[in-house]
Structures are given as C-alpha cells and as structure tokens.
N, C-alpha and C. Protein backbone atom coordinates (compact mmCIF):
# COMPACT_ATOMS: atom_id res chain seq x y z
N MET A 1 -37.68 -34.99 -32.79
CA MET A 1 -36.94 -34.91 -31.69
C MET A 1 -36.36 -36.17 -31.47
N SER A 2 -35.18 -36.50 -31.34
CA SER A 2 -34.60 -37.95 -30.94
C SER A 2 -34.95 -38.28 -29.49
N ASP A 3 -34.87 -39.56 -29.41
CA ASP A 3 -35.22 -40.12 -27.95
C ASP A 3 -33.85 -39.92 -27.24
N PRO A 4 -34.06 -39.48 -25.82
CA PRO A 4 -32.91 -39.18 -25.05
C PRO A 4 -32.13 -40.57 -24.81
N THR A 5 -30.80 -40.50 -24.73
CA THR A 5 -30.03 -41.62 -24.34
C THR A 5 -30.26 -42.04 -22.88
N ALA A 6 -29.78 -43.27 -22.67
CA ALA A 6 -29.79 -43.61 -21.23
C ALA A 6 -29.09 -42.84 -20.28
N LEU A 7 -28.05 -42.23 -20.73
CA LEU A 7 -27.20 -41.31 -19.85
C LEU A 7 -27.97 -39.95 -19.62
N GLN A 8 -28.71 -39.60 -20.71
CA GLN A 8 -29.56 -38.32 -20.72
C GLN A 8 -30.68 -38.44 -19.72
N ARG A 9 -31.30 -39.60 -19.92
CA ARG A 9 -32.58 -40.07 -19.04
C ARG A 9 -32.05 -39.98 -17.56
N ALA A 10 -30.90 -40.69 -17.36
CA ALA A 10 -30.43 -40.74 -15.87
C ALA A 10 -30.07 -39.36 -15.32
N ILE A 11 -29.45 -38.55 -16.14
CA ILE A 11 -29.13 -37.24 -15.68
C ILE A 11 -30.50 -36.39 -15.40
N LEU A 12 -31.28 -36.44 -16.30
CA LEU A 12 -32.65 -35.56 -16.31
C LEU A 12 -33.33 -36.02 -15.13
N GLY A 13 -33.29 -37.36 -14.78
CA GLY A 13 -34.32 -37.87 -13.63
C GLY A 13 -33.67 -37.77 -12.17
N ALA A 14 -32.28 -37.36 -12.37
CA ALA A 14 -31.37 -37.46 -11.00
C ALA A 14 -31.69 -36.27 -10.25
N GLU A 15 -31.55 -36.55 -8.83
CA GLU A 15 -31.52 -35.59 -7.82
C GLU A 15 -30.09 -35.06 -7.58
N PHE A 16 -30.07 -33.67 -7.63
CA PHE A 16 -28.55 -33.03 -7.38
C PHE A 16 -28.56 -32.35 -6.13
N LEU A 17 -27.62 -32.49 -5.30
CA LEU A 17 -27.40 -31.64 -4.22
C LEU A 17 -26.22 -30.85 -4.27
N TYR A 18 -26.40 -29.48 -3.93
CA TYR A 18 -25.10 -28.65 -4.09
C TYR A 18 -25.05 -28.02 -2.66
N THR A 19 -23.73 -28.16 -2.34
CA THR A 19 -23.16 -27.85 -0.99
C THR A 19 -22.33 -26.76 -1.32
N PRO A 20 -22.53 -25.43 -1.00
CA PRO A 20 -21.64 -24.47 -1.31
C PRO A 20 -20.29 -24.42 -0.41
N ARG A 21 -19.22 -24.30 -1.06
CA ARG A 21 -17.91 -24.27 -0.10
C ARG A 21 -17.18 -23.17 -0.60
N PRO A 22 -16.40 -22.49 0.25
CA PRO A 22 -15.49 -21.53 -0.09
C PRO A 22 -14.49 -21.84 -1.06
N ASP A 23 -14.29 -20.82 -1.93
CA ASP A 23 -13.07 -21.14 -2.87
C ASP A 23 -11.76 -20.86 -2.14
N PRO A 24 -10.83 -21.70 -2.32
CA PRO A 24 -9.39 -21.39 -1.70
C PRO A 24 -8.90 -19.92 -2.39
N VAL A 25 -8.35 -19.26 -1.65
CA VAL A 25 -7.70 -17.96 -2.13
C VAL A 25 -6.38 -18.08 -1.74
N PRO A 26 -5.40 -17.85 -2.71
CA PRO A 26 -3.92 -17.65 -2.59
C PRO A 26 -3.60 -16.74 -1.27
N GLY A 27 -2.57 -16.92 -0.66
CA GLY A 27 -2.38 -16.20 0.56
C GLY A 27 -2.15 -14.62 -0.05
N ASP A 28 -1.40 -14.40 -1.17
CA ASP A 28 -1.27 -13.10 -1.56
C ASP A 28 -2.46 -12.21 -2.04
N LEU A 29 -3.64 -12.86 -2.19
CA LEU A 29 -4.75 -12.41 -2.40
C LEU A 29 -5.69 -12.07 -1.26
N ARG A 30 -5.21 -12.56 -0.18
CA ARG A 30 -5.98 -12.25 1.20
C ARG A 30 -5.48 -10.96 1.74
N MET A 31 -6.42 -9.96 1.94
CA MET A 31 -5.86 -8.73 2.41
C MET A 31 -5.32 -8.90 3.75
N SER A 32 -5.71 -9.75 4.63
CA SER A 32 -4.95 -9.90 6.00
C SER A 32 -3.53 -10.10 5.78
N TRP A 33 -3.39 -10.92 4.83
CA TRP A 33 -1.94 -11.52 4.59
C TRP A 33 -1.22 -10.33 4.06
N GLY A 34 -1.67 -9.66 3.11
CA GLY A 34 -0.97 -8.58 2.27
C GLY A 34 -0.75 -7.37 3.34
N ILE A 35 -1.62 -7.03 4.15
CA ILE A 35 -1.44 -5.86 4.98
C ILE A 35 -0.32 -6.30 6.19
N ALA A 36 -0.38 -7.58 6.62
CA ALA A 36 0.59 -7.98 7.55
C ALA A 36 2.03 -8.00 6.93
N MET A 37 2.19 -8.53 5.53
CA MET A 37 3.42 -8.35 5.05
C MET A 37 3.98 -6.79 4.86
N LEU A 38 3.08 -5.85 4.51
CA LEU A 38 3.30 -4.52 4.48
C LEU A 38 3.82 -4.12 5.90
N ILE A 39 2.95 -4.22 6.72
CA ILE A 39 3.36 -3.78 8.13
C ILE A 39 4.62 -4.41 8.54
N LEU A 40 4.79 -5.59 8.27
CA LEU A 40 6.20 -6.31 8.84
C LEU A 40 7.35 -5.73 8.04
N ALA A 41 7.12 -5.43 6.54
CA ALA A 41 8.29 -4.85 5.79
C ALA A 41 8.52 -3.44 6.31
N LEU A 42 7.62 -2.62 6.51
CA LEU A 42 7.86 -1.51 7.21
C LEU A 42 8.52 -1.32 8.57
N PHE A 43 7.86 -2.17 9.34
CA PHE A 43 8.48 -2.33 10.80
C PHE A 43 9.97 -2.71 10.85
N ASN A 44 10.25 -3.58 9.77
CA ASN A 44 11.79 -3.95 9.78
C ASN A 44 12.68 -3.01 8.94
N SER A 45 12.13 -2.13 8.34
CA SER A 45 12.86 -1.19 7.57
C SER A 45 13.53 -0.13 8.39
N ARG A 46 14.42 0.63 7.77
CA ARG A 46 15.11 1.77 8.59
C ARG A 46 13.89 2.77 8.71
N GLY A 47 13.86 3.24 9.91
CA GLY A 47 13.01 4.46 10.22
C GLY A 47 11.55 4.13 10.20
N LYS A 48 11.42 2.67 10.04
CA LYS A 48 9.67 2.23 9.87
C LYS A 48 9.12 2.79 8.60
N LYS A 49 9.85 3.05 7.72
CA LYS A 49 9.31 3.63 6.32
C LYS A 49 10.06 3.10 5.15
N SER A 50 9.49 3.20 3.94
CA SER A 50 10.13 2.71 2.72
C SER A 50 9.50 3.36 1.60
N ASN A 51 10.37 3.30 0.43
CA ASN A 51 9.57 3.73 -0.86
C ASN A 51 8.86 2.65 -1.51
N PHE A 52 8.15 2.91 -2.48
CA PHE A 52 7.38 1.66 -3.27
C PHE A 52 8.26 0.76 -3.95
N GLN A 53 9.53 1.23 -4.44
CA GLN A 53 10.18 0.23 -5.15
C GLN A 53 10.82 -0.85 -4.17
N LYS A 54 11.18 -0.59 -2.84
CA LYS A 54 11.61 -1.49 -1.95
C LYS A 54 10.46 -2.34 -1.57
N LEU A 55 9.51 -1.85 -1.31
CA LEU A 55 8.19 -2.63 -0.82
C LEU A 55 7.61 -3.51 -1.95
N GLN A 56 7.58 -3.14 -3.23
CA GLN A 56 7.26 -4.08 -4.31
C GLN A 56 8.25 -5.27 -4.43
N PHE A 57 9.55 -4.84 -4.31
CA PHE A 57 10.70 -5.89 -4.41
C PHE A 57 10.40 -6.94 -3.34
N LEU A 58 10.20 -6.30 -1.93
CA LEU A 58 10.05 -7.45 -0.85
C LEU A 58 8.71 -8.16 -1.06
N ALA A 59 7.71 -7.52 -1.57
CA ALA A 59 6.38 -8.04 -1.67
C ALA A 59 6.49 -9.18 -2.53
N HIS A 60 7.19 -9.13 -3.50
CA HIS A 60 7.51 -10.21 -4.68
C HIS A 60 8.23 -11.34 -4.11
N ALA A 61 9.40 -10.94 -3.38
CA ALA A 61 10.28 -11.91 -2.71
C ALA A 61 9.73 -12.81 -1.58
N VAL A 62 8.91 -12.15 -0.82
CA VAL A 62 8.68 -12.73 0.39
C VAL A 62 7.57 -13.93 0.15
N ARG A 63 6.82 -13.80 -1.00
CA ARG A 63 5.81 -14.81 -1.42
C ARG A 63 6.28 -16.26 -1.39
N ILE A 64 7.39 -16.60 -1.92
CA ILE A 64 7.98 -17.97 -2.13
C ILE A 64 9.36 -18.19 -1.68
N GLU A 65 9.80 -19.38 -1.32
CA GLU A 65 11.03 -19.71 -0.87
C GLU A 65 12.20 -19.25 -1.86
N GLU A 66 11.81 -19.40 -3.18
CA GLU A 66 12.81 -19.20 -4.17
C GLU A 66 13.08 -17.71 -4.32
N GLY A 67 12.10 -16.94 -3.99
CA GLY A 67 12.29 -15.47 -4.04
C GLY A 67 12.98 -14.99 -2.89
N ARG A 68 12.89 -15.68 -1.70
CA ARG A 68 13.39 -15.25 -0.35
C ARG A 68 15.02 -15.75 -0.62
N GLU A 69 15.26 -16.69 -1.05
CA GLU A 69 16.70 -17.04 -1.48
C GLU A 69 17.42 -16.32 -2.39
N GLU A 70 16.76 -15.83 -3.32
CA GLU A 70 17.29 -14.82 -4.35
C GLU A 70 17.73 -13.56 -3.58
N VAL A 71 16.86 -13.21 -2.82
CA VAL A 71 17.23 -11.85 -2.20
C VAL A 71 18.29 -12.01 -1.15
N ARG A 72 18.35 -13.00 -0.41
CA ARG A 72 19.52 -13.50 0.49
C ARG A 72 20.81 -13.52 -0.41
N GLY A 73 20.65 -14.21 -1.57
CA GLY A 73 21.84 -14.28 -2.53
C GLY A 73 22.38 -13.04 -2.93
N LEU A 74 21.32 -12.04 -3.29
CA LEU A 74 21.84 -10.72 -3.61
C LEU A 74 22.51 -10.01 -2.65
N LEU A 75 22.16 -10.12 -1.47
CA LEU A 75 22.64 -9.32 -0.36
C LEU A 75 23.90 -10.12 0.05
N SER A 76 24.15 -11.37 -0.23
CA SER A 76 25.43 -11.94 0.18
C SER A 76 26.39 -11.71 -0.95
N GLY A 77 25.94 -11.36 -2.19
CA GLY A 77 26.90 -11.08 -3.36
C GLY A 77 26.92 -12.34 -4.29
N LYS A 78 26.15 -13.51 -3.94
CA LYS A 78 26.01 -14.64 -4.71
C LYS A 78 25.37 -14.35 -5.99
N TYR A 79 24.40 -13.32 -6.18
CA TYR A 79 23.72 -12.97 -7.30
C TYR A 79 23.85 -11.35 -7.55
N ARG A 80 23.99 -11.00 -8.84
CA ARG A 80 24.15 -9.49 -9.17
C ARG A 80 22.64 -9.11 -9.22
N PRO A 81 22.47 -7.84 -9.29
CA PRO A 81 21.05 -7.38 -9.27
C PRO A 81 20.32 -7.78 -10.39
N VAL A 82 20.91 -7.80 -11.51
CA VAL A 82 20.40 -8.15 -12.89
C VAL A 82 19.79 -9.57 -12.71
N GLU A 83 20.26 -10.41 -11.96
CA GLU A 83 19.96 -11.90 -11.77
C GLU A 83 18.81 -12.26 -10.83
N VAL A 84 18.18 -11.37 -10.16
CA VAL A 84 17.12 -11.53 -9.34
C VAL A 84 15.82 -11.20 -10.03
N SER A 85 14.78 -11.81 -9.71
CA SER A 85 13.48 -11.50 -10.34
C SER A 85 12.79 -10.26 -9.60
N VAL A 86 12.29 -9.48 -10.43
CA VAL A 86 11.47 -8.38 -9.90
C VAL A 86 10.19 -8.31 -10.53
N ARG A 87 9.08 -7.92 -9.66
CA ARG A 87 7.80 -7.93 -10.37
C ARG A 87 7.00 -7.06 -9.42
N VAL A 88 5.95 -6.31 -10.04
CA VAL A 88 5.22 -5.43 -9.20
C VAL A 88 4.02 -6.48 -8.80
N GLU A 89 3.77 -6.47 -7.54
CA GLU A 89 2.78 -7.26 -6.96
C GLU A 89 1.30 -6.41 -6.92
N PRO A 90 0.32 -6.91 -7.44
CA PRO A 90 -0.89 -6.21 -7.36
C PRO A 90 -1.48 -6.10 -5.78
N TYR A 91 -1.15 -7.15 -5.19
CA TYR A 91 -1.66 -7.22 -3.61
C TYR A 91 -1.21 -6.06 -2.94
N LEU A 92 0.06 -5.55 -3.31
CA LEU A 92 0.68 -4.57 -2.41
C LEU A 92 -0.08 -3.29 -2.57
N ASN A 93 -0.39 -2.77 -3.72
CA ASN A 93 -1.22 -1.52 -3.62
C ASN A 93 -2.59 -1.72 -2.84
N ARG A 94 -3.20 -2.80 -3.11
CA ARG A 94 -4.44 -2.90 -2.28
C ARG A 94 -4.28 -2.98 -0.85
N ALA A 95 -3.14 -3.58 -0.41
CA ALA A 95 -2.88 -3.68 0.97
C ALA A 95 -2.33 -2.07 1.52
N VAL A 96 -1.83 -1.36 0.66
CA VAL A 96 -1.51 -0.02 1.15
C VAL A 96 -2.64 0.75 1.30
N SER A 97 -3.57 0.72 0.31
CA SER A 97 -4.77 1.44 0.25
C SER A 97 -5.76 0.99 1.58
N PHE A 98 -5.69 -0.31 1.97
CA PHE A 98 -6.60 -0.59 3.06
C PHE A 98 -5.91 -0.28 4.37
N ALA A 99 -4.55 -0.43 4.40
CA ALA A 99 -3.67 -0.13 5.56
C ALA A 99 -4.02 1.37 5.87
N HIS A 100 -3.91 2.23 4.74
CA HIS A 100 -3.93 3.62 4.88
C HIS A 100 -5.31 3.93 5.46
N ALA A 101 -6.33 3.36 4.97
CA ALA A 101 -7.69 3.50 5.48
C ALA A 101 -8.05 3.16 6.83
N LEU A 102 -7.27 2.13 7.25
CA LEU A 102 -7.24 1.76 8.62
C LEU A 102 -6.48 2.49 9.66
N GLY A 103 -5.70 3.49 9.17
CA GLY A 103 -4.87 4.27 9.78
C GLY A 103 -3.49 3.56 10.36
N LEU A 104 -3.08 2.56 9.63
CA LEU A 104 -1.90 1.71 9.94
C LEU A 104 -0.63 2.41 9.42
N VAL A 105 -0.83 3.10 8.20
CA VAL A 105 0.33 3.71 7.49
C VAL A 105 0.06 5.02 7.04
N LYS A 106 0.92 5.89 6.70
CA LYS A 106 0.66 7.26 6.13
C LYS A 106 1.55 7.20 4.81
N ILE A 107 1.06 7.97 3.80
CA ILE A 107 1.62 8.01 2.59
C ILE A 107 2.27 9.37 2.49
N GLU A 108 3.41 9.58 2.30
CA GLU A 108 4.01 10.74 2.22
C GLU A 108 4.34 11.22 0.91
N ARG A 109 3.64 12.22 0.28
CA ARG A 109 3.81 12.81 -1.12
C ARG A 109 3.78 11.69 -2.11
N GLY A 110 3.05 10.52 -1.83
CA GLY A 110 2.99 9.32 -2.95
C GLY A 110 4.34 8.77 -3.22
N VAL A 111 5.29 8.92 -2.39
CA VAL A 111 6.68 8.50 -2.76
C VAL A 111 6.96 7.38 -1.57
N SER A 112 6.84 7.77 -0.41
CA SER A 112 7.08 6.72 0.67
C SER A 112 5.87 6.53 1.63
N ILE A 113 6.00 5.39 2.33
CA ILE A 113 5.03 4.86 3.13
C ILE A 113 5.67 4.65 4.43
N SER A 114 5.02 5.18 5.60
CA SER A 114 5.38 4.76 6.93
C SER A 114 4.42 4.28 7.90
N LEU A 115 4.89 3.61 8.94
CA LEU A 115 4.01 3.25 9.84
C LEU A 115 3.43 4.32 10.87
N THR A 116 2.20 4.31 11.20
CA THR A 116 1.80 5.08 12.14
C THR A 116 1.91 4.45 13.48
N ALA A 117 1.66 5.17 14.58
CA ALA A 117 1.74 4.53 15.93
C ALA A 117 0.95 3.44 16.08
N THR A 118 -0.33 3.39 15.49
CA THR A 118 -1.20 2.06 15.43
C THR A 118 -0.54 0.97 14.57
N GLY A 119 0.06 1.37 13.59
CA GLY A 119 0.55 0.34 12.72
C GLY A 119 1.85 -0.32 13.42
N VAL A 120 2.63 0.54 14.24
CA VAL A 120 3.76 -0.08 15.06
C VAL A 120 3.08 -1.16 16.10
N ASP A 121 1.89 -0.67 16.69
CA ASP A 121 1.31 -1.57 17.77
C ASP A 121 1.02 -2.84 17.01
N VAL A 122 0.45 -2.87 15.79
CA VAL A 122 -0.07 -4.09 15.07
C VAL A 122 1.22 -4.80 14.80
N ALA A 123 2.35 -4.24 14.44
CA ALA A 123 3.53 -5.03 13.98
C ALA A 123 4.17 -5.53 15.29
N HIS A 124 4.01 -5.01 16.56
CA HIS A 124 4.47 -5.65 17.62
C HIS A 124 3.58 -6.89 17.89
N GLU A 125 2.29 -6.71 17.57
CA GLU A 125 1.45 -8.01 17.80
C GLU A 125 1.74 -9.07 16.90
N LEU A 126 1.96 -8.68 15.67
CA LEU A 126 2.47 -9.85 14.84
C LEU A 126 3.85 -10.43 15.00
N GLU A 127 4.76 -9.59 15.67
CA GLU A 127 5.89 -10.17 15.94
C GLU A 127 5.89 -11.06 17.26
N LYS A 128 4.84 -10.78 18.12
CA LYS A 128 4.67 -11.66 19.25
C LYS A 128 4.08 -13.03 19.03
N ALA A 129 3.26 -13.15 17.95
CA ALA A 129 2.58 -14.23 17.47
C ALA A 129 3.39 -15.27 16.87
N SER A 130 3.92 -16.15 17.76
CA SER A 130 5.05 -17.02 17.19
C SER A 130 4.57 -18.14 16.30
N ASP A 131 3.26 -18.31 16.10
CA ASP A 131 2.75 -19.40 15.25
C ASP A 131 2.32 -18.85 14.10
N LEU A 132 2.41 -17.43 13.72
CA LEU A 132 2.05 -16.85 12.51
C LEU A 132 3.18 -16.35 11.60
N LEU A 133 3.18 -16.78 10.56
CA LEU A 133 4.09 -16.06 9.52
C LEU A 133 5.60 -16.04 9.83
N GLU A 134 5.80 -17.37 10.30
CA GLU A 134 7.30 -17.44 10.94
C GLU A 134 8.31 -17.16 9.86
N GLU A 135 8.25 -17.77 8.59
CA GLU A 135 9.28 -17.57 7.71
C GLU A 135 9.30 -16.25 7.13
N GLU A 136 8.05 -15.73 6.89
CA GLU A 136 7.94 -14.38 6.46
C GLU A 136 8.64 -13.35 7.20
N ARG A 137 8.37 -13.40 8.61
CA ARG A 137 8.87 -12.57 9.66
C ARG A 137 10.39 -12.50 9.73
N ARG A 138 10.91 -13.88 9.79
CA ARG A 138 12.32 -14.21 9.86
C ARG A 138 13.05 -13.46 8.43
N PHE A 139 12.37 -13.90 7.47
CA PHE A 139 12.85 -13.14 6.04
C PHE A 139 13.01 -11.62 6.12
N LEU A 140 11.89 -10.86 6.52
CA LEU A 140 11.77 -9.59 6.59
C LEU A 140 12.66 -8.95 7.59
N ARG A 141 12.92 -9.59 8.80
CA ARG A 141 13.80 -9.13 9.94
C ARG A 141 15.15 -8.95 9.36
N GLU A 142 15.48 -10.28 8.59
CA GLU A 142 16.92 -10.28 8.08
C GLU A 142 17.19 -9.31 6.89
N VAL A 143 16.21 -9.29 5.97
CA VAL A 143 16.81 -8.50 4.90
C VAL A 143 16.33 -7.05 4.72
N ALA A 144 15.12 -6.60 5.35
CA ALA A 144 14.68 -5.24 4.97
C ALA A 144 15.56 -4.20 5.46
N PRO A 145 16.30 -4.26 6.69
CA PRO A 145 17.05 -3.31 7.11
C PRO A 145 18.25 -3.30 6.11
N LYS A 146 18.67 -4.24 5.47
CA LYS A 146 19.96 -4.11 4.41
C LYS A 146 19.45 -3.61 3.05
N MET A 147 18.27 -3.60 2.72
CA MET A 147 17.80 -3.06 1.49
C MET A 147 18.07 -1.50 1.24
N THR A 148 18.86 -1.07 0.68
CA THR A 148 19.24 0.37 0.61
C THR A 148 18.52 1.00 -0.86
N ASP A 149 18.40 2.22 -0.79
CA ASP A 149 17.75 2.89 -1.97
C ASP A 149 18.92 2.65 -3.30
N GLU A 150 20.11 2.69 -2.96
CA GLU A 150 21.05 2.41 -4.11
C GLU A 150 20.88 0.95 -4.63
N LEU A 151 20.79 0.01 -3.81
CA LEU A 151 20.61 -1.44 -4.14
C LEU A 151 19.26 -1.48 -5.10
N MET A 152 18.25 -0.79 -4.67
CA MET A 152 16.93 -1.01 -5.33
C MET A 152 17.11 -0.32 -6.61
N LYS A 153 17.89 0.84 -6.68
CA LYS A 153 17.82 1.48 -8.09
C LYS A 153 18.60 0.67 -9.03
N ARG A 154 19.62 -0.23 -8.49
CA ARG A 154 20.42 -1.06 -9.41
C ARG A 154 19.65 -2.29 -9.71
N VAL A 155 18.69 -2.69 -8.83
CA VAL A 155 17.84 -3.85 -9.20
C VAL A 155 16.58 -3.61 -10.18
N TRP A 156 15.95 -2.22 -10.11
CA TRP A 156 14.93 -2.07 -11.02
C TRP A 156 15.34 -1.22 -11.93
N ARG A 157 16.51 -0.61 -12.09
CA ARG A 157 17.00 -0.08 -13.26
C ARG A 157 17.84 -1.02 -14.36
N LEU A 158 18.19 -2.13 -13.74
CA LEU A 158 19.05 -2.97 -14.43
C LEU A 158 20.28 -2.39 -14.87
N GLU A 159 20.98 -1.48 -14.33
CA GLU A 159 22.24 -0.89 -14.60
C GLU A 159 23.37 -1.76 -14.79
N ASP A 160 23.32 -3.07 -14.24
CA ASP A 160 24.41 -3.82 -14.32
C ASP A 160 24.54 -4.48 -15.59
N LEU A 161 23.30 -4.37 -16.35
CA LEU A 161 23.43 -4.94 -17.79
C LEU A 161 24.52 -4.31 -18.64
N ILE A 162 24.86 -2.97 -18.34
CA ILE A 162 25.73 -2.29 -19.33
C ILE A 162 27.18 -2.64 -19.02
C-alpha cells in the first residue's frame, strides 16, 4: 500500500464539525404557500369556486413576475392564448389534497373546487395580513375574476393555432 500524501494525512487527522442546517425550500414546494395560493385563487374567483384548468393556469402564473405579466397581457389583448405559457404545477394537487383534508375546500365531482366557510375565513385572514403575499394577492384579485371557462379552453386547447 502506498504512503498517504500530505493532504490525505491532514484530512485523516483532522477534526470535522457538522452543523445541520435546514435546506432552503422554494416557495412553490412549501405547503403553506401552496395552500394560501389555492385559497386566494378560489376566494377571488366567481362564486368562490373554480375548475382545475383555471387553478393550474393561475398556479403557474402566480409563481413568477413574468408569468403574472403574461396573464395580464392575455387579459388586455397584448398576447393571444397560444402565446402564454401553461404548465401543470405539481404543488397545486398536493395543496388541494391538504386543503381538502383540513376542511378548507370541497371537491365537487372531481371537476371543481370551492371554498368552505372555514376556507373563506382563512382567505379573509390572508387578505388582512398586509405584509404577506402582497404581489400574489394583488395579482389574484386582479385576474382571477376575469378568467372565464371559455378563455381557459382557448389557452389549454391551443385552438388559436388553427
């Protein structure tokens, strides 16, 4: 066996200290953030309910400034439905499951989701918290009521390509 190098000797003879630190978790993987986005999207939607297509569209758009601006551009006519990005956000399905288990939402025939009375109470608390989710709340207040089923069909089905 060969003799260890000076570096190997230094490493083998050294004392190491390990300090555990939490790993940073992006906002969209934090269930508290995901549930809050779900509740705010439903709270600002017509009838405090929505279908999965609209929620997925808003879940993707609300995450970053570029997504929010695309949706604003879509609603103002600056962009066509085919020009905005759409994506299925994994966090939304988990948030729906947790919110349902917590009694914040109800799922109707697997098609639409609506806020329960408890969910509405939580939404009011989120709206009152002026130092939380400011941009997200502003965006959802502005666009969620304007998102129609017809617009969502055009976005998701890409009918404007033809």
